[in-house]
Amino acid sequence: MFSAAGVKYLWRNGEVIPWEKGTIHIWDGGFTLPPGIFEGIRGYQKFDGNDVYVFRLRPHMKRLFASAKIHRLQISHTVEELEKAVTDVIAGNNFRDDVYIRPMVWPESGPGLGWSETKGEAAVMVVPSPKPARLKKMENGINVRVSTWRRLPDSVMPPRAKTNGNYVQSRYATMEALADGYDDAIFMTFNGKVSEGTGATLAVIRDGVLVMPSITSDILEGITRDTMLKVVGKDLGMCVVERDVDRTELYIADELFFCGTGAELTPIVSVDRVKIGDGKPGPLTKKIQAYYFDIVRGKNEKYKQWLTPTYGK
């Protein structure tokens, strides 16, 4: 997902600094324990090559502050300051192609364990990385399994907070899936309903209806998920439903896909070695996928308000 290749500058606590200065002490609480939070944001090269558009920057920043509130972390910077930090580090590195940006916040308690620290200002860092679209996976689709690991419930480790610690579970599920010959995994809730993937929202298409697990299915409230809910029904004429989803619905779905900042819009062609549809990315998935990329690259003027230009073009 993340590569430092080509990165010369990052943003930390209010200023753009050289990459090599983006360090913390090895005994800092942000390293020794996982109380930190983060966001994953994408910038896309504009269709004509003249800019890099950051997709839905404000909702990502609002979610970062919501995660901070759940973790009782005090961010001294405003939403607007962190939005500017994102475009500043893209421009500072002179990135002109697709880019992934990760704002990170943690309780900078100094040397020590600091896992319960909630007082004082949290440290904030914004790090960019070149990240082209996952073209091969989006073209061919992926094979997934239902994980034996159940999704963390809100009463244990709230998935709606995008915190570092939650992704330890995703690591378990991904390692299990890869060891068994799959590309990724799908979590079930402790109530036996479908939750989400290891790092993306799941979408089910059946009889022309787009179904997405509800936000009470122990999921991250995804920005790309929200985009699907806002766009697919209104613009593509499909019925869109949020509800509980059973495991067997995955096997009899016409089409499935993951959607998220990292996954973008990745078709799923089999679950537990049960072929979905004809075992190839479905026509509705490809239609939604093409529409999504027209939006993020600025071809669709209707959603220009969702795009933050880096270079002002």
C-alpha atoms as a PDB file:
ATOM      1  CA  MET A   1       0.000   0.000   0.000  1.00  0.00           C
ATOM      2  CA  PHE A   2       2.585   2.539   1.075  1.00  0.00           C
ATOM      3  CA  SER A   3       5.960   3.332  -0.429  1.00  0.00           C
ATOM      4  CA  ALA A   4       8.464   6.041   0.453  1.00  0.00           C
ATOM      5  CA  ALA A   5       9.891   5.995  -3.068  1.00  0.00           C
ATOM      6  CA  GLY A   6      10.116   9.505  -4.461  1.00  0.00           C
ATOM      7  CA  VAL A   7       8.914  11.216  -1.265  1.00  0.00           C
ATOM      8  CA  LYS A   8      11.108  14.162  -0.278  1.00  0.00           C
ATOM      9  CA  TYR A   9       8.838  16.051   2.130  1.00  0.00           C
ATOM     10  CA  LEU A  10       6.116  15.415   4.664  1.00  0.00           C
ATOM     11  CA  TRP A  11       4.062  17.613   6.982  1.00  0.00           C
ATOM     12  CA  ARG A  12       4.427  17.468  10.753  1.00  0.00           C
ATOM     13  CA  ASN A  13       2.883  19.619  13.461  1.00  0.00           C
ATOM     14  CA  GLY A  14       2.362  22.626  11.242  1.00  0.00           C
ATOM     15  CA  GLU A  15       5.230  22.626   8.785  1.00  0.00           C
ATOM     16  CA  VAL A  16       6.548  20.843   5.717  1.00  0.00           C
ATOM     17  CA  ILE A  17       9.799  19.096   6.629  1.00  0.00           C
ATOM     18  CA  PRO A  18      12.326  16.872   4.822  1.00  0.00           C
ATOM     19  CA  TRP A  19      11.452  13.184   4.758  1.00  0.00           C
ATOM     20  CA  GLU A  20      14.442  12.154   6.892  1.00  0.00           C
ATOM     21  CA  LYS A  21      13.265  14.382   9.765  1.00  0.00           C
ATOM     22  CA  GLY A  22       9.906  12.611  10.087  1.00  0.00           C
ATOM     23  CA  THR A  23      10.946  10.597  13.135  1.00  0.00           C
ATOM     24  CA  ILE A  24       9.715   9.746  16.623  1.00  0.00           C
ATOM     25  CA  HIS A  25      11.604   8.311  19.575  1.00  0.00           C
ATOM     26  CA  ILE A  26      11.642   4.515  19.616  1.00  0.00           C
ATOM     27  CA  TRP A  27      10.111   4.621  23.131  1.00  0.00           C
ATOM     28  CA  ASP A  28       7.340   7.035  22.218  1.00  0.00           C
ATOM     29  CA  GLY A  29       3.826   5.867  22.988  1.00  0.00           C
ATOM     30  CA  GLY A  30       2.905   6.265  19.338  1.00  0.00           C
ATOM     31  CA  PHE A  31       5.345   3.470  18.502  1.00  0.00           C
ATOM     32  CA  THR A  32       5.264   1.163  21.509  1.00  0.00           C
ATOM     33  CA  LEU A  33       1.466   0.875  21.595  1.00  0.00           C
ATOM     34  CA  PRO A  34      -1.298   1.430  18.996  1.00  0.00           C
ATOM     35  CA  PRO A  35      -3.405   4.377  20.226  1.00  0.00           C
ATOM     36  CA  GLY A  36      -2.923   6.377  17.035  1.00  0.00           C
ATOM     37  CA  ILE A  37      -5.518   7.143  14.376  1.00  0.00           C
ATOM     38  CA  PHE A  38      -5.162   7.844  10.678  1.00  0.00           C
ATOM     39  CA  GLU A  39      -6.877   8.519   7.386  1.00  0.00           C
ATOM     40  CA  GLY A  40      -6.294   7.121   3.919  1.00  0.00           C
ATOM     41  CA  ILE A  41      -6.898   9.708   1.185  1.00  0.00           C
ATOM     42  CA  ARG A  42      -6.303   9.594  -2.551  1.00  0.00           C
ATOM     43  CA  GLY A  43      -5.303  12.252  -4.996  1.00  0.00           C
ATOM     44  CA  TYR A  44      -5.939  11.538  -8.673  1.00  0.00           C
ATOM     45  CA  GLN A  45      -4.302  12.997 -11.712  1.00  0.00           C
ATOM     46  CA  LYS A  46      -6.857  15.158 -13.508  1.00  0.00           C
ATOM     47  CA  PHE A  47      -8.061  13.656 -16.789  1.00  0.00           C
ATOM     48  CA  ASP A  48      -6.145  16.282 -18.787  1.00  0.00           C
ATOM     49  CA  GLY A  49      -2.978  15.932 -16.692  1.00  0.00           C
ATOM     50  CA  ASN A  50      -3.010  19.534 -15.443  1.00  0.00           C
ATOM     51  CA  ASP A  51      -3.619  18.939 -11.734  1.00  0.00           C
ATOM     52  CA  VAL A  52      -3.933  16.416  -8.937  1.00  0.00           C
ATOM     53  CA  TYR A  53      -7.412  16.298  -7.404  1.00  0.00           C
ATOM     54  CA  VAL A  54      -7.783  15.142  -3.791  1.00  0.00           C
ATOM     55  CA  PHE A  55     -11.028  13.214  -3.564  1.00  0.00           C
ATOM     56  CA  ARG A  56     -13.548  14.195  -0.878  1.00  0.00           C
ATOM     57  CA  LEU A  57     -10.942  15.764   1.376  1.00  0.00           C
ATOM     58  CA  ARG A  58     -13.400  17.394   3.804  1.00  0.00           C
ATOM     59  CA  PRO A  59     -15.277  14.152   4.691  1.00  0.00           C
ATOM     60  CA  HIS A  60     -11.950  12.417   5.290  1.00  0.00           C
ATOM     61  CA  MET A  61     -10.824  15.172   7.647  1.00  0.00           C
ATOM     62  CA  LYS A  62     -14.151  15.179   9.473  1.00  0.00           C
ATOM     63  CA  ARG A  63     -13.778  11.431   9.995  1.00  0.00           C
ATOM     64  CA  LEU A  64     -10.234  11.961  11.299  1.00  0.00           C
ATOM     65  CA  PHE A  65     -11.557  14.389  13.910  1.00  0.00           C
ATOM     66  CA  ALA A  66     -14.383  11.983  14.770  1.00  0.00           C
ATOM     67  CA  SER A  67     -11.845   9.201  15.351  1.00  0.00           C
ATOM     68  CA  ALA A  68      -9.816  11.594  17.497  1.00  0.00           C
ATOM     69  CA  LYS A  69     -12.898  12.396  19.560  1.00  0.00           C
ATOM     70  CA  ILE A  70     -13.609   8.711  20.195  1.00  0.00           C
ATOM     71  CA  HIS A  71      -9.977   8.266  21.284  1.00  0.00           C
ATOM     72  CA  ARG A  72      -9.989  11.539  23.245  1.00  0.00           C
ATOM     73  CA  LEU A  73      -7.044  12.880  21.307  1.00  0.00           C
ATOM     74  CA  GLN A  74      -6.685  16.644  21.133  1.00  0.00           C
ATOM     75  CA  ILE A  75      -5.806  17.918  17.647  1.00  0.00           C
ATOM     76  CA  SER A  76      -4.628  21.517  17.886  1.00  0.00           C
ATOM     77  CA  HIS A  77      -4.919  22.126  14.131  1.00  0.00           C
ATOM     78  CA  THR A  78      -8.154  22.991  12.345  1.00  0.00           C
ATOM     79  CA  VAL A  79      -9.756  20.953   9.605  1.00  0.00           C
ATOM     80  CA  GLU A  80      -8.760  23.662   7.133  1.00  0.00           C
ATOM     81  CA  GLU A  81      -5.117  23.577   8.262  1.00  0.00           C
ATOM     82  CA  LEU A  82      -4.919  19.830   7.774  1.00  0.00           C
ATOM     83  CA  GLU A  83      -6.597  20.081   4.381  1.00  0.00           C
ATOM     84  CA  LYS A  84      -3.938  22.583   3.344  1.00  0.00           C
ATOM     85  CA  ALA A  85      -1.277  20.244   4.735  1.00  0.00           C
ATOM     86  CA  VAL A  86      -2.464  17.543   2.337  1.00  0.00           C
ATOM     87  CA  THR A  87      -2.202  19.721  -0.766  1.00  0.00           C
ATOM     88  CA  ASP A  88       1.058  21.263   0.505  1.00  0.00           C
ATOM     89  CA  VAL A  89       2.832  17.895   0.748  1.00  0.00           C
ATOM     90  CA  ILE A  90       1.600  16.822  -2.685  1.00  0.00           C
ATOM     91  CA  ALA A  91       2.822  20.070  -4.218  1.00  0.00           C
ATOM     92  CA  GLY A  92       5.995  20.091  -2.113  1.00  0.00           C
ATOM     93  CA  ASN A  93       6.940  16.716  -3.578  1.00  0.00           C
ATOM     94  CA  ASN A  94       5.835  17.878  -7.029  1.00  0.00           C
ATOM     95  CA  PHE A  95       3.649  14.805  -7.444  1.00  0.00           C
ATOM     96  CA  ARG A  96       1.721  14.986 -10.707  1.00  0.00           C
ATOM     97  CA  ASP A  97       0.308  11.455 -10.856  1.00  0.00           C
ATOM     98  CA  ASP A  98      -1.975   9.488  -8.549  1.00  0.00           C
ATOM     99  CA  VAL A  99      -0.986   9.716  -4.912  1.00  0.00           C
ATOM    100  CA  TYR A 100      -1.997   8.242  -1.566  1.00  0.00           C
ATOM    101  CA  ILE A 101      -1.948  10.509   1.504  1.00  0.00           C
ATOM    102  CA  ARG A 102      -1.952   9.360   5.108  1.00  0.00           C
ATOM    103  CA  PRO A 103      -2.629  11.862   7.917  1.00  0.00           C
ATOM    104  CA  MET A 104      -1.659  10.307  11.261  1.00  0.00           C
ATOM    105  CA  VAL A 105      -2.423  11.428  14.813  1.00  0.00           C
ATOM    106  CA  TRP A 106      -1.088   9.944  18.031  1.00  0.00           C
ATOM    107  CA  PRO A 107      -0.600  10.952  21.671  1.00  0.00           C
ATOM    108  CA  GLU A 108       2.967  12.172  21.695  1.00  0.00           C
ATOM    109  CA  SER A 109       3.615  11.309  25.314  1.00  0.00           C
ATOM    110  CA  GLY A 110       7.376  11.300  24.973  1.00  0.00           C
ATOM    111  CA  PRO A 111       9.479   8.329  26.041  1.00  0.00           C
ATOM    112  CA  GLY A 112       7.222   5.843  27.828  1.00  0.00           C
ATOM    113  CA  LEU A 113       4.235   3.609  27.188  1.00  0.00           C
ATOM    114  CA  GLY A 114       1.599   6.333  27.220  1.00  0.00           C
ATOM    115  CA  TRP A 115      -1.244   4.097  26.034  1.00  0.00           C
ATOM    116  CA  SER A 116      -3.864   5.871  28.172  1.00  0.00           C
ATOM    117  CA  GLU A 117      -2.584   9.401  27.538  1.00  0.00           C
ATOM    118  CA  THR A 118      -5.409  11.833  26.650  1.00  0.00           C
ATOM    119  CA  LYS A 119      -4.008  15.135  27.874  1.00  0.00           C
ATOM    120  CA  GLY A 120      -1.978  17.572  25.858  1.00  0.00           C
ATOM    121  CA  GLU A 121      -1.748  18.053  22.116  1.00  0.00           C
ATOM    122  CA  ALA A 122      -1.533  15.038  19.864  1.00  0.00           C
ATOM    123  CA  ALA A 123       1.224  14.836  17.276  1.00  0.00           C
ATOM    124  CA  VAL A 124       0.070  15.095  13.669  1.00  0.00           C
ATOM    125  CA  MET A 125       1.885  13.971  10.541  1.00  0.00           C
ATOM    126  CA  VAL A 126       0.756  13.964   6.896  1.00  0.00           C
ATOM    127  CA  VAL A 127       2.706  11.662   4.590  1.00  0.00           C
ATOM    128  CA  PRO A 128       2.207  11.284   0.811  1.00  0.00           C
ATOM    129  CA  SER A 129       3.193   8.389  -1.427  1.00  0.00           C
ATOM    130  CA  PRO A 130       2.960   7.742  -5.184  1.00  0.00           C
ATOM    131  CA  LYS A 131       0.110   5.260  -5.643  1.00  0.00           C
ATOM    132  CA  PRO A 132      -1.200   4.279  -9.069  1.00  0.00           C
ATOM    133  CA  ALA A 133      -4.648   2.741  -9.399  1.00  0.00           C
ATOM    134  CA  ARG A 134      -4.930  -1.041  -8.874  1.00  0.00           C
ATOM    135  CA  LEU A 135      -5.583  -1.618 -12.560  1.00  0.00           C
ATOM    136  CA  LYS A 136      -4.891  -5.353 -12.756  1.00  0.00           C
ATOM    137  CA  LYS A 137      -7.125  -6.262  -9.815  1.00  0.00           C
ATOM    138  CA  MET A 138      -9.843  -3.894 -10.990  1.00  0.00           C
ATOM    139  CA  GLU A 139      -9.761  -5.411 -14.458  1.00  0.00           C
ATOM    140  CA  ASN A 140      -9.600  -9.101 -13.492  1.00  0.00           C
ATOM    141  CA  GLY A 141     -11.237  -9.170 -10.084  1.00  0.00           C
ATOM    142  CA  ILE A 142     -10.122 -11.007  -6.958  1.00  0.00           C
ATOM    143  CA  ASN A 143     -10.933 -14.253  -5.138  1.00  0.00           C
ATOM    144  CA  VAL A 144     -11.871 -13.961  -1.472  1.00  0.00           C
ATOM    145  CA  ARG A 145     -12.892 -16.122   1.448  1.00  0.00           C
ATOM    146  CA  VAL A 146     -15.096 -15.569   4.470  1.00  0.00           C
ATOM    147  CA  SER A 147     -12.644 -15.216   7.329  1.00  0.00           C
ATOM    148  CA  THR A 148     -12.707 -17.411  10.409  1.00  0.00           C
ATOM    149  CA  TRP A 149     -11.941 -14.232  12.342  1.00  0.00           C
ATOM    150  CA  ARG A 150     -15.091 -12.343  13.387  1.00  0.00           C
ATOM    151  CA  ARG A 151     -15.227  -8.577  12.976  1.00  0.00           C
ATOM    152  CA  LEU A 152     -14.502  -6.521  16.075  1.00  0.00           C
ATOM    153  CA  PRO A 153     -17.792  -5.200  17.496  1.00  0.00           C
ATOM    154  CA  ASP A 154     -18.334  -1.586  18.509  1.00  0.00           C
ATOM    155  CA  SER A 155     -18.434  -2.689  22.150  1.00  0.00           C
ATOM    156  CA  VAL A 156     -14.859  -3.999  21.946  1.00  0.00           C
ATOM    157  CA  MET A 157     -12.834  -1.928  19.447  1.00  0.00           C
ATOM    158  CA  PRO A 158     -15.116   0.469  17.544  1.00  0.00           C
ATOM    159  CA  PRO A 159     -14.517  -0.061  13.802  1.00  0.00           C
ATOM    160  CA  ARG A 160     -15.931   3.384  12.980  1.00  0.00           C
ATOM    161  CA  ALA A 161     -12.811   4.854  14.575  1.00  0.00           C
ATOM    162  CA  LYS A 162     -10.001   4.499  12.058  1.00  0.00           C
ATOM    163  CA  THR A 163      -7.392   3.481  14.585  1.00  0.00           C
ATOM    164  CA  ASN A 164      -4.119   1.640  14.052  1.00  0.00           C
ATOM    165  CA  GLY A 165      -5.014  -1.126  16.486  1.00  0.00           C
ATOM    166  CA  ASN A 166      -8.099  -2.235  14.556  1.00  0.00           C
ATOM    167  CA  TYR A 167      -5.976  -3.247  11.593  1.00  0.00           C
ATOM    168  CA  VAL A 168      -4.183  -5.964  13.543  1.00  0.00           C
ATOM    169  CA  GLN A 169      -7.345  -7.997  12.984  1.00  0.00           C
ATOM    170  CA  SER A 170      -7.202  -7.222   9.274  1.00  0.00           C
ATOM    171  CA  ARG A 171      -3.652  -8.567   9.248  1.00  0.00           C
ATOM    172  CA  TYR A 172      -4.817 -11.860  10.777  1.00  0.00           C
ATOM    173  CA  ALA A 173      -7.584 -12.256   8.218  1.00  0.00           C
ATOM    174  CA  THR A 174      -5.355 -11.313   5.293  1.00  0.00           C
ATOM    175  CA  MET A 175      -2.585 -13.711   6.314  1.00  0.00           C
ATOM    176  CA  GLU A 176      -5.150 -16.504   6.644  1.00  0.00           C
ATOM    177  CA  ALA A 177      -6.633 -15.714   3.219  1.00  0.00           C
ATOM    178  CA  LEU A 178      -3.255 -15.567   1.467  1.00  0.00           C
ATOM    179  CA  ALA A 179      -2.095 -18.804   3.100  1.00  0.00           C
ATOM    180  CA  ASP A 180      -5.221 -20.528   1.755  1.00  0.00           C
ATOM    181  CA  GLY A 181      -4.751 -19.226  -1.781  1.00  0.00           C
ATOM    182  CA  TYR A 182      -7.152 -16.270  -1.728  1.00  0.00           C
ATOM    183  CA  ASP A 183      -6.522 -12.587  -2.404  1.00  0.00           C
ATOM    184  CA  ASP A 184      -8.478 -11.121   0.508  1.00  0.00           C
ATOM    185  CA  ALA A 185     -11.146 -11.848   3.100  1.00  0.00           C
ATOM    186  CA  ILE A 186     -14.620 -10.828   4.256  1.00  0.00           C
ATOM    187  CA  PHE A 187     -15.477 -10.479   7.937  1.00  0.00           C
ATOM    188  CA  MET A 188     -18.704 -11.619   9.572  1.00  0.00           C
ATOM    189  CA  THR A 189     -20.068  -9.938  12.695  1.00  0.00           C
ATOM    190  CA  PHE A 190     -20.576 -11.790  15.966  1.00  0.00           C
ATOM    191  CA  ASN A 191     -24.283 -11.748  15.083  1.00  0.00           C
ATOM    192  CA  GLY A 192     -23.567 -13.781  11.956  1.00  0.00           C
ATOM    193  CA  LYS A 193     -24.087 -10.996   9.426  1.00  0.00           C
ATOM    194  CA  VAL A 194     -21.711  -9.801   6.723  1.00  0.00           C
ATOM    195  CA  SER A 195     -19.537  -6.887   7.856  1.00  0.00           C
ATOM    196  CA  GLU A 196     -16.800  -5.745   5.442  1.00  0.00           C
ATOM    197  CA  GLY A 197     -13.446  -6.650   3.933  1.00  0.00           C
ATOM    198  CA  THR A 198     -10.080  -6.333   5.622  1.00  0.00           C
ATOM    199  CA  GLY A 199      -9.772  -2.739   4.439  1.00  0.00           C
ATOM    200  CA  ALA A 200     -12.815  -1.916   2.334  1.00  0.00           C
ATOM    201  CA  THR A 201     -16.599  -1.864   2.237  1.00  0.00           C
ATOM    202  CA  LEU A 202     -18.407  -4.764   0.580  1.00  0.00           C
ATOM    203  CA  ALA A 203     -21.124  -4.164  -2.026  1.00  0.00           C
ATOM    204  CA  VAL A 204     -23.575  -6.816  -3.248  1.00  0.00           C
ATOM    205  CA  ILE A 205     -25.479  -6.601  -6.527  1.00  0.00           C
ATOM    206  CA  ARG A 206     -28.483  -8.892  -6.947  1.00  0.00           C
ATOM    207  CA  ASP A 207     -31.340  -8.503  -9.432  1.00  0.00           C
ATOM    208  CA  GLY A 208     -30.101  -5.024 -10.295  1.00  0.00           C
ATOM    209  CA  VAL A 209     -30.167  -3.836  -6.656  1.00  0.00           C
ATOM    210  CA  LEU A 210     -27.033  -2.549  -4.924  1.00  0.00           C
ATOM    211  CA  VAL A 211     -26.998  -3.744  -1.308  1.00  0.00           C
ATOM    212  CA  MET A 212     -24.502  -2.493   1.272  1.00  0.00           C
ATOM    213  CA  PRO A 213     -24.202  -3.664   4.892  1.00  0.00           C
ATOM    214  CA  SER A 214     -25.571  -1.019   7.268  1.00  0.00           C
ATOM    215  CA  ILE A 215     -23.325   1.164   9.425  1.00  0.00           C
ATOM    216  CA  THR A 216     -24.369  -0.950  12.434  1.00  0.00           C
ATOM    217  CA  SER A 217     -22.659  -3.985  10.862  1.00  0.00           C
ATOM    218  CA  ASP A 218     -19.380  -3.153  12.627  1.00  0.00           C
ATOM    219  CA  ILE A 219     -17.942  -1.351   9.625  1.00  0.00           C
ATOM    220  CA  LEU A 220     -15.857   1.735   9.067  1.00  0.00           C
ATOM    221  CA  GLU A 221     -18.149   4.470   7.775  1.00  0.00           C
ATOM    222  CA  GLY A 222     -16.381   4.589   4.435  1.00  0.00           C
ATOM    223  CA  ILE A 223     -16.127   7.698   2.263  1.00  0.00           C
ATOM    224  CA  THR A 224     -16.171   5.628  -0.932  1.00  0.00           C
ATOM    225  CA  ARG A 225     -19.150   3.726   0.470  1.00  0.00           C
ATOM    226  CA  ASP A 226     -20.932   7.025   1.011  1.00  0.00           C
ATOM    227  CA  THR A 227     -20.054   8.008  -2.552  1.00  0.00           C
ATOM    228  CA  MET A 228     -21.707   4.830  -3.852  1.00  0.00           C
ATOM    229  CA  LEU A 229     -24.842   5.544  -1.829  1.00  0.00           C
ATOM    230  CA  LYS A 230     -25.038   9.104  -3.123  1.00  0.00           C
ATOM    231  CA  VAL A 231     -24.256   8.398  -6.783  1.00  0.00           C
ATOM    232  CA  VAL A 232     -25.343   4.945  -7.905  1.00  0.00           C
ATOM    233  CA  GLY A 233     -29.075   5.278  -7.328  1.00  0.00           C
ATOM    234  CA  LYS A 234     -29.412   8.867  -8.452  1.00  0.00           C
ATOM    235  CA  ASP A 235     -27.182   8.772 -11.518  1.00  0.00           C
ATOM    236  CA  LEU A 236     -27.127   5.144 -12.661  1.00  0.00           C
ATOM    237  CA  GLY A 237     -30.757   4.300 -12.011  1.00  0.00           C
ATOM    238  CA  MET A 238     -30.153   1.398  -9.625  1.00  0.00           C
ATOM    239  CA  CYS A 239     -32.070   0.736  -6.442  1.00  0.00           C
ATOM    240  CA  VAL A 240     -29.680   1.136  -3.472  1.00  0.00           C
ATOM    241  CA  VAL A 241     -30.363  -0.497  -0.106  1.00  0.00           C
ATOM    242  CA  GLU A 242     -28.559  -0.506   3.246  1.00  0.00           C
ATOM    243  CA  ARG A 243     -29.391  -3.522   5.413  1.00  0.00           C
ATOM    244  CA  ASP A 244     -28.086  -6.651   7.126  1.00  0.00           C
ATOM    245  CA  VAL A 245     -26.585  -9.159   4.692  1.00  0.00           C
ATOM    246  CA  ASP A 246     -26.447 -12.944   5.202  1.00  0.00           C
ATOM    247  CA  ARG A 247     -23.425 -15.048   4.248  1.00  0.00           C
ATOM    248  CA  THR A 248     -25.336 -17.122   1.702  1.00  0.00           C
ATOM    249  CA  GLU A 249     -26.321 -13.955  -0.145  1.00  0.00           C
ATOM    250  CA  LEU A 250     -22.681 -13.652  -1.158  1.00  0.00           C
ATOM    251  CA  TYR A 251     -22.776 -16.989  -2.995  1.00  0.00           C
ATOM    252  CA  ILE A 252     -25.939 -16.231  -4.955  1.00  0.00           C
ATOM    253  CA  ALA A 253     -25.099 -12.598  -5.740  1.00  0.00           C
ATOM    254  CA  ASP A 254     -24.917 -11.567  -9.384  1.00  0.00           C
ATOM    255  CA  GLU A 255     -21.923  -9.346  -8.680  1.00  0.00           C
ATOM    256  CA  LEU A 256     -19.767  -8.325  -5.721  1.00  0.00           C
ATOM    257  CA  PHE A 257     -17.138  -5.660  -5.239  1.00  0.00           C
ATOM    258  CA  PHE A 258     -15.020  -3.982  -2.599  1.00  0.00           C
ATOM    259  CA  CYS A 259     -14.949  -0.192  -2.489  1.00  0.00           C
ATOM    260  CA  GLY A 260     -12.661   2.065  -0.495  1.00  0.00           C
ATOM    261  CA  THR A 261      -9.800   4.506  -0.769  1.00  0.00           C
ATOM    262  CA  GLY A 262      -7.244   1.723  -1.066  1.00  0.00           C
ATOM    263  CA  ALA A 263      -9.407  -0.806  -2.894  1.00  0.00           C
ATOM    264  CA  GLU A 264     -11.003   1.873  -5.077  1.00  0.00           C
ATOM    265  CA  LEU A 265     -13.579  -0.339  -6.803  1.00  0.00           C
ATOM    266  CA  THR A 266     -12.332  -3.926  -6.994  1.00  0.00           C
ATOM    267  CA  PRO A 267     -14.604  -6.683  -8.401  1.00  0.00           C
ATOM    268  CA  ILE A 268     -14.888  -9.963  -6.478  1.00  0.00           C
ATOM    269  CA  VAL A 269     -15.197 -12.977  -8.789  1.00  0.00           C
ATOM    270  CA  SER A 270     -15.443 -15.770  -6.210  1.00  0.00           C
ATOM    271  CA  VAL A 271     -16.156 -16.292  -2.513  1.00  0.00           C
ATOM    272  CA  ASP A 272     -14.995 -19.486  -0.788  1.00  0.00           C
ATOM    273  CA  ARG A 273     -14.280 -20.807  -4.298  1.00  0.00           C
ATOM    274  CA  VAL A 274     -17.939 -20.308  -5.265  1.00  0.00           C
ATOM    275  CA  LYS A 275     -18.001 -18.445  -8.575  1.00  0.00           C
ATOM    276  CA  ILE A 276     -19.874 -15.146  -8.548  1.00  0.00           C
ATOM    277  CA  GLY A 277     -21.950 -14.733 -11.706  1.00  0.00           C
ATOM    278  CA  ASP A 278     -19.855 -16.005 -14.592  1.00  0.00           C
ATOM    279  CA  GLY A 279     -16.638 -15.616 -12.613  1.00  0.00           C
ATOM    280  CA  LYS A 280     -15.715 -12.324 -14.243  1.00  0.00           C
ATOM    281  CA  PRO A 281     -16.263  -8.674 -13.238  1.00  0.00           C
ATOM    282  CA  GLY A 282     -19.942  -7.980 -13.898  1.00  0.00           C
ATOM    283  CA  PRO A 283     -21.398  -5.329 -16.214  1.00  0.00           C
ATOM    284  CA  LEU A 284     -22.937  -3.228 -13.451  1.00  0.00           C
ATOM    285  CA  THR A 285     -19.719  -3.292 -11.446  1.00  0.00           C
ATOM    286  CA  LYS A 286     -17.777  -2.125 -14.500  1.00  0.00           C
ATOM    287  CA  LYS A 287     -20.348   0.581 -15.155  1.00  0.00           C
ATOM    288  CA  ILE A 288     -20.094   1.870 -11.577  1.00  0.00           C
ATOM    289  CA  GLN A 289     -16.303   1.609 -11.727  1.00  0.00           C
ATOM    290  CA  ALA A 290     -16.071   3.718 -14.897  1.00  0.00           C
ATOM    291  CA  TYR A 291     -18.451   6.315 -13.471  1.00  0.00           C
ATOM    292  CA  TYR A 292     -16.427   6.519 -10.267  1.00  0.00           C
ATOM    293  CA  PHE A 293     -13.179   7.205 -12.117  1.00  0.00           C
ATOM    294  CA  ASP A 294     -14.836   9.877 -14.234  1.00  0.00           C
ATOM    295  CA  ILE A 295     -15.755  11.594 -10.959  1.00  0.00           C
ATOM    296  CA  VAL A 296     -12.366  11.351  -9.218  1.00  0.00           C
ATOM    297  CA  ARG A 297     -10.446  12.501 -12.311  1.00  0.00           C
ATOM    298  CA  GLY A 298     -12.697  15.500 -12.896  1.00  0.00           C
ATOM    299  CA  LYS A 299     -14.406  14.350 -16.096  1.00  0.00           C
ATOM    300  CA  ASN A 300     -17.803  14.563 -14.433  1.00  0.00           C
ATOM    301  CA  GLU A 301     -18.442  18.242 -13.709  1.00  0.00           C
ATOM    302  CA  LYS A 302     -21.460  17.368 -11.579  1.00  0.00           C
ATOM    303  CA  TYR A 303     -19.229  16.379  -8.655  1.00  0.00           C
ATOM    304  CA  LYS A 304     -16.498  18.962  -9.003  1.00  0.00           C
ATOM    305  CA  GLN A 305     -17.212  20.117  -5.433  1.00  0.00           C
ATOM    306  CA  TRP A 306     -15.803  16.781  -4.211  1.00  0.00           C
ATOM    307  CA  LEU A 307     -12.391  17.534  -5.723  1.00  0.00           C
ATOM    308  CA  THR A 308      -9.726  19.685  -4.080  1.00  0.00           C
ATOM    309  CA  PRO A 309      -7.141  20.883  -6.611  1.00  0.00           C
ATOM    310  CA  THR A 310      -3.493  20.781  -5.629  1.00  0.00           C
ATOM    311  CA  TYR A 311      -2.158  23.206  -8.180  1.00  0.00           C
ATOM    312  CA  GLY A 312      -5.337  25.230  -8.692  1.00  0.00           C
ATOM    313  CA  LYS A 313      -6.252  24.100 -12.198  1.00  0.00           C
END
